[in-house]
């Protein structure tokens, strides 16, 4: 990625959940609006930032669409893994107590 936000590299986007992608897209669109407003009023200092934000938006749309089509895998929820591991520990504990008796 030559231009754009380092936080929104494709390798980083793969780890984001769908809700976070939508939130990042909303923030990027808001930033683009503000940059265009600054450009129209003559207050914009970095014109290259508009291009970078546009690319970030396109990258986000691409990842979202690839997930819809099943081309790109959606990451597994982290909270669900934690609950499963706690449930397994709870199941193992009574079994170990039953064997001791």
N, C-alpha and C. Protein backbone atom coordinates (compact mmCIF):
# COMPACT_ATOMS: atom_id res chain seq x y z
N UNK A 1 0.84 -1.17 0.00
CA UNK A 1 0.00 0.00 0.00
C UNK A 1 0.89 1.23 0.00
N UNK A 2 0.87 1.97 -1.06
CA UNK A 2 1.72 3.14 -1.19
C UNK A 2 1.18 4.33 -0.41
N UNK A 3 -0.11 4.60 -0.55
CA UNK A 3 -0.71 5.75 0.11
C UNK A 3 -1.91 5.28 0.91
N UNK A 4 -2.13 5.89 2.05
CA UNK A 4 -3.30 5.54 2.85
C UNK A 4 -2.95 5.47 4.31
N UNK A 5 -3.89 5.07 5.07
CA UNK A 5 -3.70 4.96 6.50
C UNK A 5 -3.07 3.63 6.81
N UNK A 6 -2.04 3.63 7.63
CA UNK A 6 -1.36 2.39 7.98
C UNK A 6 -2.27 1.48 8.79
N UNK A 7 -3.21 2.06 9.53
CA UNK A 7 -4.14 1.27 10.32
C UNK A 7 -5.11 0.48 9.44
N UNK A 8 -5.31 0.94 8.23
CA UNK A 8 -6.28 0.29 7.35
C UNK A 8 -5.62 -0.52 6.24
N UNK A 9 -4.48 -1.12 6.53
CA UNK A 9 -3.85 -2.02 5.58
C UNK A 9 -4.71 -3.26 5.45
N UNK A 10 -4.64 -3.93 4.31
CA UNK A 10 -5.50 -5.09 4.09
C UNK A 10 -5.24 -6.19 5.11
N UNK A 11 -4.02 -6.33 5.57
CA UNK A 11 -3.74 -7.34 6.59
C UNK A 11 -4.44 -6.99 7.90
N UNK A 12 -4.56 -5.70 8.21
CA UNK A 12 -5.28 -5.27 9.40
C UNK A 12 -6.78 -5.44 9.22
N UNK A 13 -7.27 -5.15 8.03
CA UNK A 13 -8.72 -5.24 7.78
C UNK A 13 -9.22 -6.67 7.89
N UNK A 14 -8.36 -7.63 7.63
CA UNK A 14 -8.77 -9.03 7.74
C UNK A 14 -9.11 -9.41 9.17
N UNK A 15 -8.54 -8.72 10.15
CA UNK A 15 -8.80 -9.05 11.55
C UNK A 15 -10.02 -8.33 12.10
N UNK A 16 -10.55 -7.33 11.38
CA UNK A 16 -11.69 -6.56 11.86
C UNK A 16 -12.98 -7.35 11.67
N UNK A 17 -13.91 -7.19 12.60
CA UNK A 17 -15.23 -7.77 12.45
C UNK A 17 -16.06 -6.87 11.53
N UNK A 18 -17.20 -7.36 11.07
CA UNK A 18 -18.03 -6.61 10.13
C UNK A 18 -18.47 -5.26 10.68
N UNK A 19 -18.87 -5.24 11.94
CA UNK A 19 -19.32 -3.99 12.55
C UNK A 19 -18.20 -2.95 12.58
N UNK A 20 -17.00 -3.40 12.87
CA UNK A 20 -15.87 -2.46 12.93
C UNK A 20 -15.54 -1.93 11.54
N UNK A 21 -15.68 -2.77 10.52
CA UNK A 21 -15.45 -2.31 9.15
C UNK A 21 -16.44 -1.21 8.78
N UNK A 22 -17.70 -1.40 9.14
CA UNK A 22 -18.72 -0.41 8.84
C UNK A 22 -18.42 0.89 9.59
N UNK A 23 -17.97 0.77 10.84
CA UNK A 23 -17.64 1.95 11.63
C UNK A 23 -16.44 2.69 11.03
N UNK A 24 -15.42 1.95 10.59
CA UNK A 24 -14.26 2.58 9.95
C UNK A 24 -14.67 3.26 8.65
N UNK A 25 -15.58 2.66 7.91
CA UNK A 25 -16.07 3.25 6.66
C UNK A 25 -16.79 4.56 6.96
N UNK A 26 -17.62 4.58 8.01
CA UNK A 26 -18.34 5.78 8.39
C UNK A 26 -17.36 6.90 8.77
N UNK A 27 -16.32 6.55 9.53
CA UNK A 27 -15.34 7.55 9.94
C UNK A 27 -14.56 8.08 8.74
N UNK A 28 -14.22 7.20 7.80
CA UNK A 28 -13.46 7.62 6.62
C UNK A 28 -14.31 8.55 5.74
N UNK A 29 -15.59 8.24 5.60
CA UNK A 29 -16.47 9.10 4.81
C UNK A 29 -16.63 10.47 5.47
N UNK A 30 -16.71 10.47 6.79
CA UNK A 30 -16.81 11.74 7.51
C UNK A 30 -15.54 12.56 7.33
N UNK A 31 -14.39 11.91 7.39
CA UNK A 31 -13.13 12.61 7.20
C UNK A 31 -13.03 13.17 5.78
N UNK A 32 -13.48 12.39 4.79
CA UNK A 32 -13.45 12.86 3.41
C UNK A 32 -14.33 14.09 3.24
N UNK A 33 -15.51 14.07 3.87
CA UNK A 33 -16.39 15.23 3.81
C UNK A 33 -15.70 16.46 4.39
N UNK A 34 -15.07 16.30 5.55
CA UNK A 34 -14.38 17.42 6.18
C UNK A 34 -13.22 17.92 5.34
N UNK A 35 -12.49 17.00 4.72
CA UNK A 35 -11.38 17.41 3.85
C UNK A 35 -11.87 18.17 2.63
N UNK A 36 -12.96 17.71 2.05
CA UNK A 36 -13.53 18.42 0.88
C UNK A 36 -14.02 19.81 1.29
N UNK A 37 -14.60 19.90 2.47
CA UNK A 37 -15.07 21.19 2.96
C UNK A 37 -13.89 22.13 3.16
N UNK A 38 -12.81 21.63 3.73
CA UNK A 38 -11.61 22.44 3.92
C UNK A 38 -11.03 22.87 2.58
N UNK A 39 -11.08 21.97 1.60
CA UNK A 39 -10.55 22.30 0.28
C UNK A 39 -11.38 23.41 -0.38
N UNK A 40 -12.68 23.33 -0.22
CA UNK A 40 -13.56 24.33 -0.83
C UNK A 40 -13.39 25.70 -0.19
N UNK A 41 -13.05 25.73 1.08
CA UNK A 41 -12.89 27.01 1.77
C UNK A 41 -11.44 27.50 1.76
N UNK A 42 -10.55 26.73 1.15
CA UNK A 42 -9.15 27.14 1.04
C UNK A 42 -8.33 26.90 2.29
N UNK A 43 -8.80 26.05 3.17
CA UNK A 43 -8.08 25.80 4.42
C UNK A 43 -7.30 24.50 4.41
N UNK A 44 -7.38 23.73 3.34
CA UNK A 44 -6.73 22.42 3.29
C UNK A 44 -5.23 22.59 3.07
N UNK A 45 -4.45 21.93 3.94
CA UNK A 45 -3.00 22.01 3.82
C UNK A 45 -2.42 20.81 3.08
N UNK A 46 -3.01 19.63 3.27
CA UNK A 46 -2.48 18.41 2.67
C UNK A 46 -3.48 17.85 1.66
N UNK A 47 -3.26 18.14 0.39
CA UNK A 47 -4.17 17.68 -0.65
C UNK A 47 -4.05 16.18 -0.90
N UNK A 48 -2.91 15.62 -0.57
CA UNK A 48 -2.71 14.19 -0.74
C UNK A 48 -3.55 13.36 0.22
N UNK A 49 -3.97 13.97 1.30
CA UNK A 49 -4.79 13.25 2.29
C UNK A 49 -6.14 12.87 1.69
N UNK A 50 -6.69 13.69 0.80
CA UNK A 50 -7.97 13.36 0.16
C UNK A 50 -7.82 12.07 -0.62
N UNK A 51 -6.75 11.95 -1.36
CA UNK A 51 -6.51 10.75 -2.16
C UNK A 51 -6.35 9.52 -1.26
N UNK A 52 -5.64 9.69 -0.16
CA UNK A 52 -5.42 8.57 0.77
C UNK A 52 -6.74 8.10 1.38
N UNK A 53 -7.58 9.04 1.77
CA UNK A 53 -8.87 8.67 2.38
C UNK A 53 -9.78 8.00 1.35
N UNK A 54 -9.75 8.48 0.12
CA UNK A 54 -10.55 7.83 -0.94
C UNK A 54 -10.11 6.38 -1.13
N UNK A 55 -8.81 6.15 -1.08
CA UNK A 55 -8.31 4.78 -1.24
C UNK A 55 -8.70 3.91 -0.05
N UNK A 56 -8.68 4.49 1.14
CA UNK A 56 -9.11 3.75 2.32
C UNK A 56 -10.58 3.34 2.20
N UNK A 57 -11.41 4.26 1.72
CA UNK A 57 -12.83 3.97 1.53
C UNK A 57 -13.01 2.84 0.52
N UNK A 58 -12.28 2.91 -0.58
CA UNK A 58 -12.37 1.86 -1.60
C UNK A 58 -11.91 0.53 -1.04
N UNK A 59 -10.84 0.55 -0.25
CA UNK A 59 -10.33 -0.68 0.36
C UNK A 59 -11.36 -1.28 1.31
N UNK A 60 -12.02 -0.46 2.08
CA UNK A 60 -13.05 -0.94 3.01
C UNK A 60 -14.22 -1.54 2.25
N UNK A 61 -14.68 -0.85 1.21
CA UNK A 61 -15.77 -1.39 0.40
C UNK A 61 -15.39 -2.74 -0.22
N UNK A 62 -14.15 -2.86 -0.66
CA UNK A 62 -13.69 -4.11 -1.27
C UNK A 62 -13.72 -5.26 -0.27
N UNK A 63 -13.22 -5.03 0.92
CA UNK A 63 -13.20 -6.09 1.93
C UNK A 63 -14.62 -6.49 2.32
N UNK A 64 -15.50 -5.50 2.49
CA UNK A 64 -16.89 -5.80 2.85
C UNK A 64 -17.55 -6.62 1.75
N UNK A 65 -17.35 -6.25 0.50
CA UNK A 65 -17.97 -6.97 -0.61
C UNK A 65 -17.38 -8.38 -0.76
N UNK A 66 -16.08 -8.52 -0.58
CA UNK A 66 -15.46 -9.84 -0.67
C UNK A 66 -16.00 -10.77 0.41
N UNK A 67 -16.27 -10.23 1.58
CA UNK A 67 -16.86 -11.06 2.64
C UNK A 67 -18.28 -11.47 2.29
N UNK A 68 -19.04 -10.57 1.67
CA UNK A 68 -20.40 -10.90 1.25
C UNK A 68 -20.39 -12.03 0.23
N UNK A 69 -19.42 -12.01 -0.67
CA UNK A 69 -19.34 -13.02 -1.72
C UNK A 69 -18.66 -14.30 -1.25
N UNK A 70 -18.05 -14.27 -0.08
CA UNK A 70 -17.37 -15.45 0.44
C UNK A 70 -15.95 -15.61 -0.06
N UNK A 71 -15.41 -14.58 -0.68
CA UNK A 71 -14.03 -14.63 -1.18
C UNK A 71 -13.04 -14.48 -0.03
N UNK A 72 -13.37 -13.60 0.89
CA UNK A 72 -12.51 -13.32 2.04
C UNK A 72 -13.20 -13.85 3.29
N UNK A 73 -12.47 -14.52 4.14
CA UNK A 73 -13.04 -15.12 5.34
C UNK A 73 -13.33 -14.06 6.41
N UNK A 74 -14.43 -14.25 7.09
CA UNK A 74 -14.78 -13.39 8.22
C UNK A 74 -14.10 -13.95 9.46
N UNK A 75 -13.44 -13.10 10.26
CA UNK A 75 -12.76 -13.60 11.45
C UNK A 75 -13.75 -14.15 12.47
N UNK A 76 -13.34 -15.17 13.19
CA UNK A 76 -14.18 -15.75 14.22
C UNK A 76 -14.25 -14.79 15.40
N UNK A 77 -15.43 -14.65 16.02
CA UNK A 77 -15.55 -13.75 17.16
C UNK A 77 -14.66 -14.20 18.32
N UNK A 78 -13.96 -13.27 18.92
CA UNK A 78 -13.04 -13.58 20.01
C UNK A 78 -13.81 -13.94 21.28
N UNK A 79 -14.90 -13.27 21.56
CA UNK A 79 -15.67 -13.50 22.77
C UNK A 79 -16.24 -14.92 22.80
N UNK A 80 -16.66 -15.43 21.66
CA UNK A 80 -17.22 -16.78 21.60
C UNK A 80 -16.16 -17.82 21.95
N UNK A 81 -14.93 -17.61 21.55
CA UNK A 81 -13.85 -18.54 21.87
C UNK A 81 -13.61 -18.56 23.37
N UNK A 82 -13.63 -17.40 23.99
CA UNK A 82 -13.40 -17.31 25.43
C UNK A 82 -14.50 -18.03 26.20
N UNK A 83 -15.74 -17.89 25.76
CA UNK A 83 -16.86 -18.56 26.43
C UNK A 83 -16.74 -20.07 26.31
N UNK A 84 -16.33 -20.54 25.14
CA UNK A 84 -16.19 -21.98 24.93
C UNK A 84 -15.11 -22.55 25.84
N UNK A 85 -14.00 -21.84 25.97
CA UNK A 85 -12.91 -22.36 26.81
C UNK A 85 -13.33 -22.40 28.28
N UNK A 86 -14.12 -21.41 28.72
CA UNK A 86 -14.62 -21.42 30.08
C UNK A 86 -15.60 -22.57 30.28
N UNK A 87 -16.43 -22.84 29.28
CA UNK A 87 -17.40 -23.93 29.37
C UNK A 87 -16.68 -25.28 29.45
N UNK A 88 -15.61 -25.43 28.70
CA UNK A 88 -14.85 -26.68 28.74
C UNK A 88 -14.22 -26.90 30.11
N UNK A 89 -13.68 -25.81 30.69
CA UNK A 89 -13.07 -25.93 32.01
C UNK A 89 -14.13 -26.31 33.04
N UNK A 90 -15.33 -25.78 32.92
CA UNK A 90 -16.41 -26.09 33.85
C UNK A 90 -16.83 -27.56 33.71
N UNK A 91 -16.81 -28.07 32.49
CA UNK A 91 -17.17 -29.47 32.27
C UNK A 91 -16.10 -30.41 32.82
N UNK A 92 -14.84 -30.03 32.72
CA UNK A 92 -13.74 -30.88 33.18
C UNK A 92 -13.69 -30.95 34.71
N UNK A 93 -14.03 -29.88 35.37
CA UNK A 93 -13.94 -29.83 36.83
C UNK A 93 -14.86 -30.85 37.51
N UNK A 94 -16.16 -30.95 37.19
CA UNK A 94 -17.01 -31.95 37.83
C UNK A 94 -16.57 -33.38 37.50
N UNK A 95 -16.08 -33.60 36.30
CA UNK A 95 -15.65 -34.94 35.93
C UNK A 95 -14.46 -35.38 36.79
N UNK A 96 -13.56 -34.47 37.05
CA UNK A 96 -12.39 -34.80 37.85
C UNK A 96 -12.80 -35.06 39.31
N UNK A 97 -13.80 -34.33 39.81
CA UNK A 97 -14.27 -34.54 41.17
C UNK A 97 -14.99 -35.88 41.28
N UNK A 98 -15.72 -36.27 40.25
CA UNK A 98 -16.45 -37.54 40.25
C UNK A 98 -15.51 -38.72 40.28
N UNK A 99 -14.38 -38.62 39.61
CA UNK A 99 -13.41 -39.71 39.59
C UNK A 99 -12.71 -39.86 40.93
N UNK A 100 -12.54 -38.76 41.64
CA UNK A 100 -11.84 -38.79 42.92
C UNK A 100 -12.68 -39.50 43.98
N UNK A 101 -13.98 -39.50 43.87
CA UNK A 101 -14.85 -40.12 44.87
C UNK A 101 -14.88 -41.59 44.78
